[in-house]
Each structure stands twice: as structure tokens, then as C-alpha cells.
Amino acid sequence: VVVNLDEVKSCSLKKVWGSIKAGDLKRR
């Protein structure tokens, strides 16, 4: 794929997290 950067409306960093169960953020 060749992307012409002059045609790009936005370039963004996209992060996707897995499922977060109750209490997960206390341990991890």
C-alpha cells in the first residue's frame, strides 16, 4: 500500500485493551 500523506485527514495512535475484569487493575 502506498499512502499519499497529502491525502491523510488524520494519523492517530490506536490502542486496544483486552477485557478488564473486576480487580484486574489492583494486581496489574
PDB file of all heavy atoms in Angstrom:
ATOM      1  N   VAL A   1       0.868  -1.178   0.000  1.00  0.00           N
ATOM      2  CA  VAL A   1       0.000   0.000   0.000  1.00  0.00           C
ATOM      3  C   VAL A   1       0.903   1.225   0.000  1.00  0.00           C
ATOM      4  O   VAL A   1       1.847   1.299   0.780  1.00  0.00           O
ATOM      5  CB  VAL A   1      -0.905   0.029   1.264  1.00  0.00           C
ATOM      6  CG1 VAL A   1      -1.738   1.289   1.306  1.00  0.00           C
ATOM      7  CG2 VAL A   1      -1.765  -1.207   1.344  1.00  0.00           C
ATOM      8  N   VAL A   2       0.612   2.156  -0.881  1.00  0.00           N
ATOM      9  CA  VAL A   2       1.302   3.443  -0.868  1.00  0.00           C
ATOM     10  C   VAL A   2       0.314   4.474  -0.350  1.00  0.00           C
ATOM     11  O   VAL A   2      -0.772   4.643  -0.901  1.00  0.00           O
ATOM     12  CB  VAL A   2       1.821   3.853  -2.266  1.00  0.00           C
ATOM     13  CG1 VAL A   2       2.448   5.234  -2.221  1.00  0.00           C
ATOM     14  CG2 VAL A   2       2.816   2.827  -2.794  1.00  0.00           C
ATOM     15  N   VAL A   3       0.695   5.140   0.748  1.00  0.00           N
ATOM     16  CA  VAL A   3      -0.153   6.165   1.354  1.00  0.00           C
ATOM     17  C   VAL A   3       0.402   7.519   0.962  1.00  0.00           C
ATOM     18  O   VAL A   3       1.567   7.826   1.237  1.00  0.00           O
ATOM     19  CB  VAL A   3      -0.186   6.029   2.897  1.00  0.00           C
ATOM     20  CG1 VAL A   3      -0.963   7.173   3.526  1.00  0.00           C
ATOM     21  CG2 VAL A   3      -0.771   4.685   3.301  1.00  0.00           C
ATOM     22  N   ASN A   4      -0.431   8.308   0.297  1.00  0.00           N
ATOM     23  CA  ASN A   4      -0.074   9.683  -0.025  1.00  0.00           C
ATOM     24  C   ASN A   4      -0.402  10.522   1.210  1.00  0.00           C
ATOM     25  O   ASN A   4      -1.570  10.702   1.555  1.00  0.00           O
ATOM     26  CB  ASN A   4      -0.853  10.159  -1.241  1.00  0.00           C
ATOM     27  CG  ASN A   4      -0.481  11.561  -1.659  1.00  0.00           C
ATOM     28  OD1 ASN A   4       0.154  12.309  -0.911  1.00  0.00           O
ATOM     29  ND2 ASN A   4      -0.870  11.931  -2.859  1.00  0.00           N
ATOM     30  N   LEU A   5       0.611  11.013   1.884  1.00  0.00           N
ATOM     31  CA  LEU A   5       0.406  11.724   3.142  1.00  0.00           C
ATOM     32  C   LEU A   5      -0.356  13.035   2.966  1.00  0.00           C
ATOM     33  O   LEU A   5      -0.940  13.540   3.926  1.00  0.00           O
ATOM     34  CB  LEU A   5       1.739  11.953   3.842  1.00  0.00           C
ATOM     35  CG  LEU A   5       2.469  10.663   4.245  1.00  0.00           C
ATOM     36  CD1 LEU A   5       3.842  10.978   4.816  1.00  0.00           C
ATOM     37  CD2 LEU A   5       1.642   9.852   5.218  1.00  0.00           C
ATOM     38  N   ASP A   6      -0.383  13.567   1.749  1.00  0.00           N
ATOM     39  CA  ASP A   6      -1.161  14.779   1.494  1.00  0.00           C
ATOM     40  C   ASP A   6      -2.668  14.501   1.533  1.00  0.00           C
ATOM     41  O   ASP A   6      -3.459  15.421   1.686  1.00  0.00           O
ATOM     42  CB  ASP A   6      -0.784  15.393   0.139  1.00  0.00           C
ATOM     43  CG  ASP A   6       0.625  15.966   0.150  1.00  0.00           C
ATOM     44  OD1 ASP A   6       1.081  16.415   1.227  1.00  0.00           O
ATOM     45  OD2 ASP A   6       1.278  15.946  -0.916  1.00  0.00           O
ATOM     46  N   GLU A   7      -3.063  13.234   1.393  1.00  0.00           N
ATOM     47  CA  GLU A   7      -4.476  12.854   1.426  1.00  0.00           C
ATOM     48  C   GLU A   7      -4.946  12.441   2.817  1.00  0.00           C
ATOM     49  O   GLU A   7      -6.132  12.208   3.030  1.00  0.00           O
ATOM     50  CB  GLU A   7      -4.724  11.698   0.461  1.00  0.00           C
ATOM     51  CG  GLU A   7      -4.477  12.046  -0.996  1.00  0.00           C
ATOM     52  CD  GLU A   7      -4.616  10.835  -1.907  1.00  0.00           C
ATOM     53  OE1 GLU A   7      -4.878   9.718  -1.410  1.00  0.00           O
ATOM     54  OE2 GLU A   7      -4.448  11.008  -3.125  1.00  0.00           O
ATOM     55  N   VAL A   8      -4.012  12.339   3.770  1.00  0.00           N
ATOM     56  CA  VAL A   8      -4.360  11.869   5.114  1.00  0.00           C
ATOM     57  C   VAL A   8      -5.049  12.985   5.892  1.00  0.00           C
ATOM     58  O   VAL A   8      -4.522  14.090   6.023  1.00  0.00           O
ATOM     59  CB  VAL A   8      -3.094  11.389   5.867  1.00  0.00           C
ATOM     60  CG1 VAL A   8      -3.420  11.053   7.318  1.00  0.00           C
ATOM     61  CG2 VAL A   8      -2.486  10.189   5.165  1.00  0.00           C
ATOM     62  N   LYS A   9      -6.240  12.681   6.380  1.00  0.00           N
ATOM     63  CA  LYS A   9      -7.005  13.634   7.188  1.00  0.00           C
ATOM     64  C   LYS A   9      -6.493  13.622   8.632  1.00  0.00           C
ATOM     65  O   LYS A   9      -6.351  14.661   9.265  1.00  0.00           O
ATOM     66  CB  LYS A   9      -8.478  13.238   7.143  1.00  0.00           C
ATOM     67  CG  LYS A   9      -9.409  14.145   7.893  1.00  0.00           C
ATOM     68  CD  LYS A   9     -10.842  13.649   7.732  1.00  0.00           C
ATOM     69  CE  LYS A   9     -11.763  14.354   8.686  1.00  0.00           C
ATOM     70  NZ  LYS A   9     -13.109  13.786   8.610  1.00  0.00           N
ATOM     71  N   SER A  10      -6.204  12.418   9.151  1.00  0.00           N
ATOM     72  CA  SER A  10      -5.645  12.310  10.497  1.00  0.00           C
ATOM     73  C   SER A  10      -4.823  11.035  10.620  1.00  0.00           C
ATOM     74  O   SER A  10      -5.085  10.036   9.958  1.00  0.00           O
ATOM     75  CB  SER A  10      -6.748  12.322  11.559  1.00  0.00           C
ATOM     76  OG  SER A  10      -7.514  11.146  11.482  1.00  0.00           O
ATOM     77  N   CYS A  11      -3.814  11.104  11.470  1.00  0.00           N
ATOM     78  CA  CYS A  11      -2.971   9.965  11.804  1.00  0.00           C
ATOM     79  C   CYS A  11      -3.007   9.851  13.318  1.00  0.00           C
ATOM     80  O   CYS A  11      -2.621  10.787  14.016  1.00  0.00           O
ATOM     81  CB  CYS A  11      -1.549  10.192  11.300  1.00  0.00           C
ATOM     82  SG  CYS A  11      -0.381   8.934  11.852  1.00  0.00           S
ATOM     83  N   SER A  12      -3.504   8.732  13.831  1.00  0.00           N
ATOM     84  CA  SER A  12      -3.647   8.618  15.282  1.00  0.00           C
ATOM     85  C   SER A  12      -3.115   7.283  15.789  1.00  0.00           C
ATOM     86  O   SER A  12      -3.114   6.280  15.074  1.00  0.00           O
ATOM     87  CB  SER A  12      -5.109   8.785  15.691  1.00  0.00           C
ATOM     88  OG  SER A  12      -5.920   7.856  15.030  1.00  0.00           O
ATOM     89  N   LEU A  13      -2.648   7.325  17.029  1.00  0.00           N
ATOM     90  CA  LEU A  13      -2.205   6.124  17.716  1.00  0.00           C
ATOM     91  C   LEU A  13      -3.446   5.439  18.278  1.00  0.00           C
ATOM     92  O   LEU A  13      -4.251   6.070  18.957  1.00  0.00           O
ATOM     93  CB  LEU A  13      -1.242   6.499  18.842  1.00  0.00           C
ATOM     94  CG  LEU A  13      -0.575   5.357  19.583  1.00  0.00           C
ATOM     95  CD1 LEU A  13       0.363   4.593  18.661  1.00  0.00           C
ATOM     96  CD2 LEU A  13       0.207   5.895  20.767  1.00  0.00           C
ATOM     97  N   LYS A  14      -3.606   4.186  17.964  1.00  0.00           N
ATOM     98  CA  LYS A  14      -4.788   3.444  18.393  1.00  0.00           C
ATOM     99  C   LYS A  14      -4.337   2.304  19.309  1.00  0.00           C
ATOM    100  O   LYS A  14      -3.464   1.516  18.938  1.00  0.00           O
ATOM    101  CB  LYS A  14      -5.507   2.885  17.173  1.00  0.00           C
ATOM    102  CG  LYS A  14      -6.739   2.080  17.482  1.00  0.00           C
ATOM    103  CD  LYS A  14      -7.372   1.590  16.180  1.00  0.00           C
ATOM    104  CE  LYS A  14      -8.487   0.625  16.437  1.00  0.00           C
ATOM    105  NZ  LYS A  14      -9.023   0.072  15.191  1.00  0.00           N
ATOM    106  N   LYS A  15      -4.918   2.251  20.509  1.00  0.00           N
ATOM    107  CA  LYS A  15      -4.608   1.179  21.450  1.00  0.00           C
ATOM    108  C   LYS A  15      -5.890   0.439  21.772  1.00  0.00           C
ATOM    109  O   LYS A  15      -6.932   1.046  22.003  1.00  0.00           O
ATOM    110  CB  LYS A  15      -3.997   1.741  22.733  1.00  0.00           C
ATOM    111  CG  LYS A  15      -2.619   2.323  22.534  1.00  0.00           C
ATOM    112  CD  LYS A  15      -2.005   2.749  23.853  1.00  0.00           C
ATOM    113  CE  LYS A  15      -0.595   3.248  23.648  1.00  0.00           C
ATOM    114  NZ  LYS A  15       0.052   3.553  24.935  1.00  0.00           N
ATOM    115  N   VAL A  16      -5.792  -0.884  21.801  1.00  0.00           N
ATOM    116  CA  VAL A  16      -6.932  -1.734  22.117  1.00  0.00           C
ATOM    117  C   VAL A  16      -6.534  -2.609  23.298  1.00  0.00           C
ATOM    118  O   VAL A  16      -5.507  -3.293  23.257  1.00  0.00           O
ATOM    119  CB  VAL A  16      -7.341  -2.615  20.916  1.00  0.00           C
ATOM    120  CG1 VAL A  16      -8.476  -3.550  21.282  1.00  0.00           C
ATOM    121  CG2 VAL A  16      -7.703  -1.749  19.715  1.00  0.00           C
ATOM    122  N   TRP A  17      -7.360  -2.576  24.335  1.00  0.00           N
ATOM    123  CA  TRP A  17      -7.108  -3.373  25.525  1.00  0.00           C
ATOM    124  C   TRP A  17      -7.973  -4.611  25.506  1.00  0.00           C
ATOM    125  O   TRP A  17      -9.083  -4.601  24.973  1.00  0.00           O
ATOM    126  CB  TRP A  17      -7.414  -2.565  26.792  1.00  0.00           C
ATOM    127  CG  TRP A  17      -6.315  -1.619  27.142  1.00  0.00           C
ATOM    128  CD1 TRP A  17      -5.282  -1.851  27.991  1.00  0.00           C
ATOM    129  CD2 TRP A  17      -6.110  -0.300  26.645  1.00  0.00           C
ATOM    130  NE1 TRP A  17      -4.442  -0.757  28.054  1.00  0.00           N
ATOM    131  CE2 TRP A  17      -4.935   0.214  27.226  1.00  0.00           C
ATOM    132  CE3 TRP A  17      -6.796   0.520  25.749  1.00  0.00           C
ATOM    133  CZ2 TRP A  17      -4.446   1.478  26.968  1.00  0.00           C
ATOM    134  CZ3 TRP A  17      -6.302   1.780  25.477  1.00  0.00           C
ATOM    135  CH2 TRP A  17      -5.140   2.245  26.081  1.00  0.00           C
ATOM    136  N   GLY A  18      -7.487  -5.660  26.141  1.00  0.00           N
ATOM    137  CA  GLY A  18      -8.271  -6.874  26.319  1.00  0.00           C
ATOM    138  C   GLY A  18      -9.321  -6.626  27.389  1.00  0.00           C
ATOM    139  O   GLY A  18      -9.432  -5.529  27.944  1.00  0.00           O
ATOM    140  N   SER A  19     -10.075  -7.647  27.679  1.00  0.00           N
ATOM    141  CA  SER A  19     -11.112  -7.491  28.694  1.00  0.00           C
ATOM    142  C   SER A  19     -10.468  -7.250  30.058  1.00  0.00           C
ATOM    143  O   SER A  19      -9.468  -7.865  30.404  1.00  0.00           O
ATOM    144  CB  SER A  19     -12.009  -8.720  28.736  1.00  0.00           C
ATOM    145  OG  SER A  19     -11.247  -9.870  29.041  1.00  0.00           O
ATOM    146  N   ILE A  20     -11.052  -6.333  30.781  1.00  0.00           N
ATOM    147  CA  ILE A  20     -10.560  -5.980  32.115  1.00  0.00           C
ATOM    148  C   ILE A  20     -11.618  -6.432  33.113  1.00  0.00           C
ATOM    149  O   ILE A  20     -12.730  -5.912  33.123  1.00  0.00           O
ATOM    150  CB  ILE A  20     -10.300  -4.461  32.220  1.00  0.00           C
ATOM    151  CG1 ILE A  20      -9.278  -4.037  31.161  1.00  0.00           C
ATOM    152  CG2 ILE A  20      -9.833  -4.102  33.623  1.00  0.00           C
ATOM    153  CD1 ILE A  20      -9.068  -2.538  31.062  1.00  0.00           C
ATOM    154  N   LYS A  21     -11.247  -7.389  33.914  1.00  0.00           N
ATOM    155  CA  LYS A  21     -12.179  -7.931  34.901  1.00  0.00           C
ATOM    156  C   LYS A  21     -12.077  -7.135  36.192  1.00  0.00           C
ATOM    157  O   LYS A  21     -11.069  -6.466  36.455  1.00  0.00           O
ATOM    158  CB  LYS A  21     -11.865  -9.394  35.151  1.00  0.00           C
ATOM    159  CG  LYS A  21     -12.032 -10.253  33.918  1.00  0.00           C
ATOM    160  CD  LYS A  21     -11.618 -11.683  34.174  1.00  0.00           C
ATOM    161  CE  LYS A  21     -11.689 -12.432  32.870  1.00  0.00           C
ATOM    162  NZ  LYS A  21     -10.502 -13.147  32.553  1.00  0.00           N
ATOM    163  N   ALA A  22     -13.100  -7.216  36.997  1.00  0.00           N
ATOM    164  CA  ALA A  22     -13.114  -6.514  38.278  1.00  0.00           C
ATOM    165  C   ALA A  22     -11.880  -6.925  39.092  1.00  0.00           C
ATOM    166  O   ALA A  22     -11.574  -8.102  39.231  1.00  0.00           O
ATOM    167  CB  ALA A  22     -14.388  -6.849  39.051  1.00  0.00           C
ATOM    168  N   GLY A  23     -11.155  -5.943  39.582  1.00  0.00           N
ATOM    169  CA  GLY A  23      -9.983  -6.184  40.411  1.00  0.00           C
ATOM    170  C   GLY A  23      -8.679  -6.333  39.637  1.00  0.00           C
ATOM    171  O   GLY A  23      -7.610  -6.351  40.234  1.00  0.00           O
ATOM    172  N   ASP A  24      -8.750  -6.462  38.284  1.00  0.00           N
ATOM    173  CA  ASP A  24      -7.535  -6.620  37.483  1.00  0.00           C
ATOM    174  C   ASP A  24      -6.556  -5.465  37.682  1.00  0.00           C
ATOM    175  O   ASP A  24      -5.350  -5.669  37.734  1.00  0.00           O
ATOM    176  CB  ASP A  24      -7.860  -6.729  35.992  1.00  0.00           C
ATOM    177  CG  ASP A  24      -8.131  -8.156  35.552  1.00  0.00           C
ATOM    178  OD1 ASP A  24      -7.975  -9.077  36.379  1.00  0.00           O
ATOM    179  OD2 ASP A  24      -8.514  -8.338  34.378  1.00  0.00           O
ATOM    180  N   LEU A  25      -7.077  -4.247  37.767  1.00  0.00           N
ATOM    181  CA  LEU A  25      -6.206  -3.078  37.857  1.00  0.00           C
ATOM    182  C   LEU A  25      -5.567  -2.929  39.239  1.00  0.00           C
ATOM    183  O   LEU A  25      -4.661  -2.117  39.413  1.00  0.00           O
ATOM    184  CB  LEU A  25      -6.963  -1.815  37.459  1.00  0.00           C
ATOM    185  CG  LEU A  25      -7.405  -1.802  35.991  1.00  0.00           C
ATOM    186  CD1 LEU A  25      -8.206  -0.551  35.679  1.00  0.00           C
ATOM    187  CD2 LEU A  25      -6.209  -1.909  35.060  1.00  0.00           C
ATOM    188  N   LYS A  26      -6.020  -3.711  40.198  1.00  0.00           N
ATOM    189  CA  LYS A  26      -5.365  -3.713  41.507  1.00  0.00           C
ATOM    190  C   LYS A  26      -4.104  -4.564  41.471  1.00  0.00           C
ATOM    191  O   LYS A  26      -3.156  -4.303  42.195  1.00  0.00           O
ATOM    192  CB  LYS A  26      -6.317  -4.248  42.582  1.00  0.00           C
ATOM    193  CG  LYS A  26      -7.477  -3.315  42.868  1.00  0.00           C
ATOM    194  CD  LYS A  26      -8.393  -3.914  43.913  1.00  0.00           C
ATOM    195  CE  LYS A  26      -9.578  -2.985  44.146  1.00  0.00           C
ATOM    196  NZ  LYS A  26     -10.546  -3.552  45.079  1.00  0.00           N
ATOM    197  N   ARG A  27      -4.111  -5.586  40.617  1.00  0.00           N
ATOM    198  CA  ARG A  27      -2.979  -6.509  40.523  1.00  0.00           C
ATOM    199  C   ARG A  27      -2.057  -6.220  39.345  1.00  0.00           C
ATOM    200  O   ARG A  27      -0.887  -6.569  39.387  1.00  0.00           O
ATOM    201  CB  ARG A  27      -3.503  -7.937  40.389  1.00  0.00           C
ATOM    202  CG  ARG A  27      -4.275  -8.436  41.590  1.00  0.00           C
ATOM    203  CD  ARG A  27      -4.684  -9.892  41.435  1.00  0.00           C
ATOM    204  NE  ARG A  27      -5.400 -10.181  40.191  1.00  0.00           N
ATOM    205  CZ  ARG A  27      -6.718 -10.092  40.041  1.00  0.00           C
ATOM    206  NH1 ARG A  27      -7.475  -9.708  41.043  1.00  0.00           N
ATOM    207  NH2 ARG A  27      -7.289 -10.395  38.887  1.00  0.00           N
ATOM    208  N   ARG A  28      -2.597  -5.601  38.312  1.00  0.00           N
ATOM    209  CA  ARG A  28      -1.817  -5.383  37.084  1.00  0.00           C
ATOM    210  C   ARG A  28      -1.973  -3.945  36.615  1.00  0.00           C
ATOM    211  O   ARG A  28      -2.984  -3.314  36.856  1.00  0.00           O
ATOM    212  CB  ARG A  28      -2.320  -6.322  35.991  1.00  0.00           C
ATOM    213  CG  ARG A  28      -2.155  -7.777  36.354  1.00  0.00           C
ATOM    214  CD  ARG A  28      -2.917  -8.691  35.447  1.00  0.00           C
ATOM    215  NE  ARG A  28      -2.383  -8.722  34.095  1.00  0.00           N
ATOM    216  CZ  ARG A  28      -2.988  -9.336  33.090  1.00  0.00           C
ATOM    217  NH1 ARG A  28      -4.135  -9.949  33.269  1.00  0.00           N
ATOM    218  NH2 ARG A  28      -2.454  -9.323  31.894  1.00  0.00           N
TER     219      ARG A  28
END
